[in-house]
N, C-alpha and C. Protein backbone atom coordinates (compact mmCIF):
# COMPACT_ATOMS: atom_id res chain seq x y z
N UNK A 1 9.31 -32.78 -1.94
CA UNK A 1 9.38 -31.65 -2.17
C UNK A 1 9.03 -30.45 -1.18
N UNK A 2 8.89 -29.30 -0.29
CA UNK A 2 8.29 -29.09 0.76
C UNK A 2 6.76 -28.01 -0.22
N UNK A 3 5.77 -28.46 0.36
CA UNK A 3 4.89 -27.55 -0.26
C UNK A 3 4.47 -26.39 0.13
N UNK A 4 4.96 -25.02 -0.53
CA UNK A 4 4.46 -23.67 0.02
C UNK A 4 3.06 -23.54 1.04
N UNK A 5 3.76 -22.92 2.33
CA UNK A 5 3.07 -22.60 3.57
C UNK A 5 2.26 -20.86 3.31
N UNK A 6 0.70 -21.03 3.13
CA UNK A 6 -0.02 -19.60 2.74
C UNK A 6 -0.49 -18.99 4.08
N UNK A 7 -0.54 -18.06 4.66
CA UNK A 7 -0.25 -17.95 5.82
C UNK A 7 -2.05 -17.08 5.44
N UNK A 8 -3.19 -17.48 6.21
CA UNK A 8 -4.21 -16.32 6.03
C UNK A 8 -4.08 -16.10 7.39
N UNK A 9 -5.04 -15.18 7.25
CA UNK A 9 -5.64 -14.15 8.45
C UNK A 9 -7.45 -14.19 8.14
N UNK A 10 -7.96 -13.86 9.46
CA UNK A 10 -9.69 -14.51 9.62
C UNK A 10 -9.80 -12.78 9.91
N UNK A 11 -9.31 -11.78 9.49
CA UNK A 11 -9.60 -10.21 9.59
C UNK A 11 -8.93 -10.00 9.13
N UNK A 12 -9.72 -9.01 7.66
CA UNK A 12 -8.26 -8.31 7.05
C UNK A 12 -9.23 -7.31 6.19
N UNK A 13 -9.03 -6.41 5.48
CA UNK A 13 -9.73 -5.15 4.22
C UNK A 13 -8.64 -5.11 3.45
N UNK A 14 -9.36 -4.47 2.45
CA UNK A 14 -8.76 -4.11 1.23
C UNK A 14 -9.24 -3.05 0.98
N UNK A 15 -8.56 -1.74 1.37
CA UNK A 15 -8.81 -0.61 1.01
C UNK A 15 -7.84 0.23 -0.27
N UNK A 16 -8.49 1.51 -0.38
CA UNK A 16 -8.17 2.21 -1.48
C UNK A 16 -7.39 3.49 -1.02
N UNK A 17 -6.34 4.20 -1.53
CA UNK A 17 -5.68 5.38 -1.42
C UNK A 17 -4.68 5.78 -2.14
N UNK A 18 -4.59 6.96 -2.91
CA UNK A 18 -4.07 7.58 -4.18
C UNK A 18 -3.48 6.17 -5.51
N UNK A 19 -5.13 6.05 -5.36
CA UNK A 19 -5.33 5.31 -6.63
C UNK A 19 -4.48 4.05 -6.95
N UNK A 20 -4.32 3.40 -5.81
CA UNK A 20 -4.43 1.80 -5.41
C UNK A 20 -4.75 1.14 -4.59
N UNK A 21 -4.79 0.28 -4.31
CA UNK A 21 -5.58 -0.93 -3.72
C UNK A 21 -4.76 -1.76 -2.38
N UNK A 22 -4.74 -1.73 -1.29
CA UNK A 22 -3.98 -2.24 -0.78
C UNK A 22 -4.63 -3.37 0.48
N UNK A 23 -3.61 -4.35 1.10
CA UNK A 23 -4.62 -5.23 2.09
C UNK A 23 -4.16 -4.62 3.48
N UNK A 24 -4.57 -4.42 4.40
CA UNK A 24 -4.70 -3.88 5.72
C UNK A 24 -4.90 -5.18 7.14
N UNK A 25 -4.50 -5.53 7.36
CA UNK A 25 -4.23 -6.46 8.75
C UNK A 25 -4.21 -5.75 9.94
N UNK A 26 -4.52 -5.71 10.91
CA UNK A 26 -4.00 -4.92 11.95
C UNK A 26 -2.91 -5.41 12.69
N UNK A 27 -2.18 -4.46 12.80
CA UNK A 27 -1.30 -4.65 13.18
C UNK A 27 0.53 -4.79 12.10
N UNK A 28 -0.34 -4.52 11.43
CA UNK A 28 0.66 -5.42 9.75
C UNK A 28 1.43 -3.66 9.31
N UNK A 29 2.64 -3.52 9.06
CA UNK A 29 2.90 -1.98 8.76
C UNK A 29 2.65 -2.08 6.86
N UNK A 30 1.91 -1.11 5.77
CA UNK A 30 2.00 -0.90 4.83
C UNK A 30 2.66 0.06 4.35
N UNK A 31 3.86 0.28 2.77
CA UNK A 31 3.99 0.94 2.14
C UNK A 31 3.17 1.62 1.30
N UNK A 32 2.56 2.78 1.58
CA UNK A 32 1.99 3.12 0.26
C UNK A 32 2.28 4.20 -0.51
N UNK A 33 1.24 5.33 -1.37
CA UNK A 33 1.54 5.68 -2.21
C UNK A 33 1.95 7.67 -1.14
N UNK A 34 2.66 8.44 -1.25
CA UNK A 34 3.02 9.64 0.12
C UNK A 34 1.57 10.53 0.66
N UNK A 35 1.75 10.20 1.59
CA UNK A 35 0.80 11.22 2.36
C UNK A 35 1.30 12.06 3.28
N UNK A 36 0.74 13.57 3.46
CA UNK A 36 1.29 14.38 4.05
C UNK A 36 1.52 13.79 5.42
N UNK A 37 2.24 14.14 6.24
CA UNK A 37 2.11 13.94 7.63
C UNK A 37 3.63 13.34 8.32
N UNK A 38 3.50 13.96 9.95
CA UNK A 38 4.65 13.29 10.71
C UNK A 38 4.41 11.89 11.21
N UNK A 39 5.62 11.41 11.11
CA UNK A 39 5.46 9.90 12.20
C UNK A 39 4.66 9.92 13.48
N UNK A 40 3.89 8.98 13.77
CA UNK A 40 2.97 9.25 14.97
C UNK A 40 1.69 9.54 15.08
N UNK A 41 1.39 10.39 13.54
CA UNK A 41 0.04 11.18 13.44
C UNK A 41 -0.98 10.23 13.02
N UNK A 42 -2.54 9.98 12.96
CA UNK A 42 -3.02 9.23 13.28
C UNK A 42 -4.00 9.52 11.49
N UNK A 43 -4.22 8.42 10.93
CA UNK A 43 -5.38 8.52 9.46
C UNK A 43 -5.99 7.55 9.62
N UNK A 44 -7.30 8.01 8.50
CA UNK A 44 -8.83 7.46 8.60
C UNK A 44 -8.65 7.06 6.76
N UNK A 45 -8.30 5.80 6.41
CA UNK A 45 -9.21 5.69 5.01
C UNK A 45 -10.94 5.02 4.89
N UNK A 46 -11.66 5.59 4.25
CA UNK A 46 -12.73 5.47 4.54
C UNK A 46 -13.19 4.63 3.63
N UNK A 47 -12.56 4.51 2.15
CA UNK A 47 -12.72 3.67 0.74
C UNK A 47 -11.94 2.44 1.33
N UNK A 48 -13.28 1.12 2.04
CA UNK A 48 -13.18 0.12 2.09
C UNK A 48 -13.58 -0.53 1.32
N UNK A 49 -12.94 -1.50 -0.14
CA UNK A 49 -13.87 -2.07 -1.21
C UNK A 49 -14.38 -4.20 -0.48
N UNK A 50 -13.53 -4.14 0.74
CA UNK A 50 -13.76 -5.84 0.73
C UNK A 50 -13.44 -6.01 2.78
N UNK A 51 -14.04 -6.39 3.09
CA UNK A 51 -13.68 -6.64 4.24
C UNK A 51 -14.00 -8.15 5.05
N UNK A 52 -13.20 -9.27 5.30
CA UNK A 52 -13.29 -10.73 5.56
C UNK A 52 -13.21 -10.80 7.18
N UNK A 53 -13.91 -11.33 7.73
CA UNK A 53 -14.31 -11.85 8.89
C UNK A 53 -14.48 -13.26 9.37
N UNK A 54 -14.28 -13.36 10.44
CA UNK A 54 -14.45 -14.42 10.49
C UNK A 54 -16.16 -15.63 10.06
N UNK A 55 -16.85 -14.89 10.28
CA UNK A 55 -17.76 -14.69 9.54
C UNK A 55 -18.89 -15.33 8.36
N UNK A 56 -17.75 -14.35 7.19
CA UNK A 56 -17.77 -14.48 5.81
C UNK A 56 -16.77 -13.56 5.35
N UNK A 57 -17.49 -12.65 4.13
CA UNK A 57 -16.86 -11.61 3.06
C UNK A 57 -17.58 -10.89 2.99
N UNK A 58 -17.67 -9.66 2.74
CA UNK A 58 -18.72 -8.39 2.40
C UNK A 58 -17.28 -7.76 1.27
N UNK A 59 -18.32 -7.43 0.24
CA UNK A 59 -17.70 -6.97 -0.48
C UNK A 59 -18.73 -5.11 -0.81
N UNK A 60 -18.12 -3.96 -0.82
CA UNK A 60 -18.58 -3.38 -1.40
C UNK A 60 -19.47 -2.78 -2.72
N UNK A 61 -20.49 -1.93 -2.41
CA UNK A 61 -20.82 -1.64 -3.67
C UNK A 61 -20.93 0.21 -4.11
N UNK A 62 -20.19 0.92 -4.04
CA UNK A 62 -18.67 0.87 -4.37
C UNK A 62 -18.03 0.13 -2.75
N UNK A 63 -18.03 1.18 -2.30
CA UNK A 63 -17.85 0.92 -0.86
C UNK A 63 -18.62 0.62 0.16
N UNK A 64 -18.28 -0.08 1.51
CA UNK A 64 -18.26 -0.30 2.92
C UNK A 64 -18.40 0.81 3.42
N UNK A 65 -19.11 1.10 4.68
CA UNK A 65 -19.00 1.53 5.52
C UNK A 65 -18.50 1.69 7.03
N UNK A 66 -17.16 0.45 6.72
CA UNK A 66 -16.54 0.48 7.57
C UNK A 66 -15.08 1.77 7.41
N UNK A 67 -14.08 2.18 8.62
CA UNK A 67 -12.70 2.56 8.38
C UNK A 67 -11.76 2.36 8.88
N UNK A 68 -10.53 2.10 8.37
CA UNK A 68 -9.68 1.96 9.26
C UNK A 68 -8.93 3.09 9.44
N UNK A 69 -8.34 2.57 11.05
CA UNK A 69 -7.59 3.70 11.65
C UNK A 69 -6.35 2.96 11.44
N UNK A 70 -5.27 4.22 10.76
CA UNK A 70 -3.42 4.12 10.60
C UNK A 70 -2.89 5.04 11.36
N UNK A 71 -1.65 4.47 11.63
CA UNK A 71 -0.37 5.83 12.12
C UNK A 71 0.44 5.56 11.41
N UNK A 72 1.01 6.54 11.19
CA UNK A 72 2.41 7.18 10.16
C UNK A 72 3.55 6.10 10.92
N UNK A 73 4.34 5.33 10.30
CA UNK A 73 5.37 4.65 11.48
C UNK A 73 6.74 5.78 9.91
N UNK A 74 7.11 5.93 9.12
CA UNK A 74 8.25 6.93 9.05
C UNK A 74 7.42 7.85 7.10
N UNK A 75 8.46 8.01 6.98
CA UNK A 75 8.47 8.96 5.40
C UNK A 75 9.73 8.39 4.42
N UNK A 76 9.48 8.04 3.25
CA UNK A 76 11.23 7.22 3.20
C UNK A 76 10.86 7.27 1.74
N UNK A 77 11.75 6.57 0.95
CA UNK A 77 11.55 6.89 -0.79
C UNK A 77 12.19 5.49 -0.96
N UNK A 78 11.67 4.87 -2.14
CA UNK A 78 12.33 4.03 -2.67
C UNK A 78 13.44 3.77 -3.71
N UNK A 79 13.67 2.59 -3.20
CA UNK A 79 15.28 2.69 -4.15
C UNK A 79 15.15 3.63 -5.79
N UNK A 80 16.16 3.26 -5.65
CA UNK A 80 16.52 4.49 -7.75
C UNK A 80 16.02 3.46 -8.82
N UNK A 81 14.69 3.78 -9.32
CA UNK A 81 14.65 3.20 -10.44
C UNK A 81 15.45 3.97 -11.64
N UNK A 82 15.98 2.73 -12.46
CA UNK A 82 17.07 4.22 -13.74
C UNK A 82 16.20 3.42 -15.06
N UNK A 83 15.43 4.69 -15.63
CA UNK A 83 15.13 4.20 -16.85
C UNK A 83 16.22 4.66 -18.03
N UNK A 84 17.08 4.66 -19.14
CA UNK A 84 17.70 4.45 -19.82
C UNK A 84 17.20 3.75 -21.29
N UNK A 85 17.35 5.18 -22.21
CA UNK A 85 16.72 5.02 -23.70
C UNK A 85 18.26 5.15 -24.91
N UNK A 86 17.87 4.76 -25.54
CA UNK A 86 19.37 5.29 -26.53
C UNK A 86 18.73 4.80 -28.51
N UNK A 87 19.08 5.24 -28.91
CA UNK A 87 18.83 5.10 -30.45
C UNK A 87 20.31 4.39 -31.00
N UNK A 88 20.60 3.52 -31.68
CA UNK A 88 21.19 2.63 -31.46
C UNK A 88 21.62 3.54 -33.01
N UNK A 89 23.64 3.00 -32.70
CA UNK A 89 24.14 4.10 -34.38
C UNK A 89 23.76 5.47 -34.31
N UNK A 90 23.21 5.78 -33.43
CA UNK A 90 23.00 7.55 -33.12
C UNK A 90 23.67 8.52 -32.24
N UNK A 91 24.37 7.82 -31.20
CA UNK A 91 24.74 8.36 -29.92
C UNK A 91 23.80 9.69 -29.29
N UNK A 92 22.53 9.10 -29.61
CA UNK A 92 21.48 9.46 -28.31
C UNK A 92 21.39 7.91 -27.56
N UNK A 93 21.51 8.98 -26.28
CA UNK A 93 21.54 7.98 -24.86
C UNK A 93 20.89 8.96 -24.17
N UNK A 94 19.36 8.77 -23.11
CA UNK A 94 19.32 9.48 -22.05
C UNK A 94 19.11 8.44 -21.26
N UNK A 95 19.75 8.80 -19.80
CA UNK A 95 19.73 7.92 -18.84
C UNK A 95 19.65 9.01 -17.04
N UNK A 96 18.00 8.17 -17.16
CA UNK A 96 18.01 8.89 -15.94
C UNK A 96 17.29 8.06 -14.56
N UNK A 97 16.97 8.77 -13.75
CA UNK A 97 16.69 7.63 -11.97
C UNK A 97 15.61 8.81 -11.41
N UNK A 98 14.83 7.64 -11.52
CA UNK A 98 13.74 8.04 -10.39
C UNK A 98 13.15 7.50 -8.99
N UNK A 99 13.52 8.30 -7.56
CA UNK A 99 13.02 7.90 -6.46
C UNK A 99 11.81 8.06 -6.09
N UNK A 100 10.63 7.14 -6.35
CA UNK A 100 9.13 7.63 -5.59
C UNK A 100 9.03 7.67 -4.34
N UNK A 101 8.12 8.37 -3.83
CA UNK A 101 8.07 8.74 -2.57
C UNK A 101 7.21 7.89 -1.96
N UNK A 102 7.22 7.08 -0.24
CA UNK A 102 6.44 6.54 0.16
C UNK A 102 6.11 6.78 1.62
N UNK A 103 5.09 6.31 2.22
CA UNK A 103 4.69 6.38 3.53
C UNK A 103 4.41 5.19 3.85
N UNK A 104 4.83 5.26 5.02
CA UNK A 104 4.75 3.34 6.01
C UNK A 104 3.78 3.87 6.99
N UNK A 105 2.96 3.32 6.97
CA UNK A 105 1.87 3.27 8.43
C UNK A 105 1.66 1.40 8.56
N UNK A 106 1.10 1.81 10.06
CA UNK A 106 1.05 0.72 10.46
C UNK A 106 -0.76 0.92 11.12
N UNK A 107 -1.48 -0.08 10.73
CA UNK A 107 -2.68 -0.03 10.89
C UNK A 107 -2.83 -0.74 11.84
N UNK A 108 -3.90 0.30 12.86
CA UNK A 108 -4.16 0.13 13.93
C UNK A 108 -5.40 -0.68 14.41
N UNK A 109 -6.73 -0.41 13.85
CA UNK A 109 -7.85 -0.98 13.66
C UNK A 109 -8.78 -1.12 12.57
N UNK A 110 -9.34 -2.06 12.77
CA UNK A 110 -10.55 -2.08 11.18
C UNK A 110 -11.53 -1.62 11.81
């Protein structure tokens, strides 16, 4: 049985936006909660919680003085999620669909 290969990166950050935390690696794309803007617009995230470098790990109390620079790749919506509710033997049925707005960003610099 083959062992699973875990990809490790020597430089990354954990940053917070939209009430959620995301891992930022230079050159990688991340889908985050919707941020207004068009493709190509530059963004700066200053709520950096953790930074890993070749020399070690720094943890903020609560934030570090590091900034993450990113650019918007595209605005999109996630696949539809169906919420279905019913009451048995009562002929009560409610079906609702939801698509969340997302922004795809590319991490430019840490």
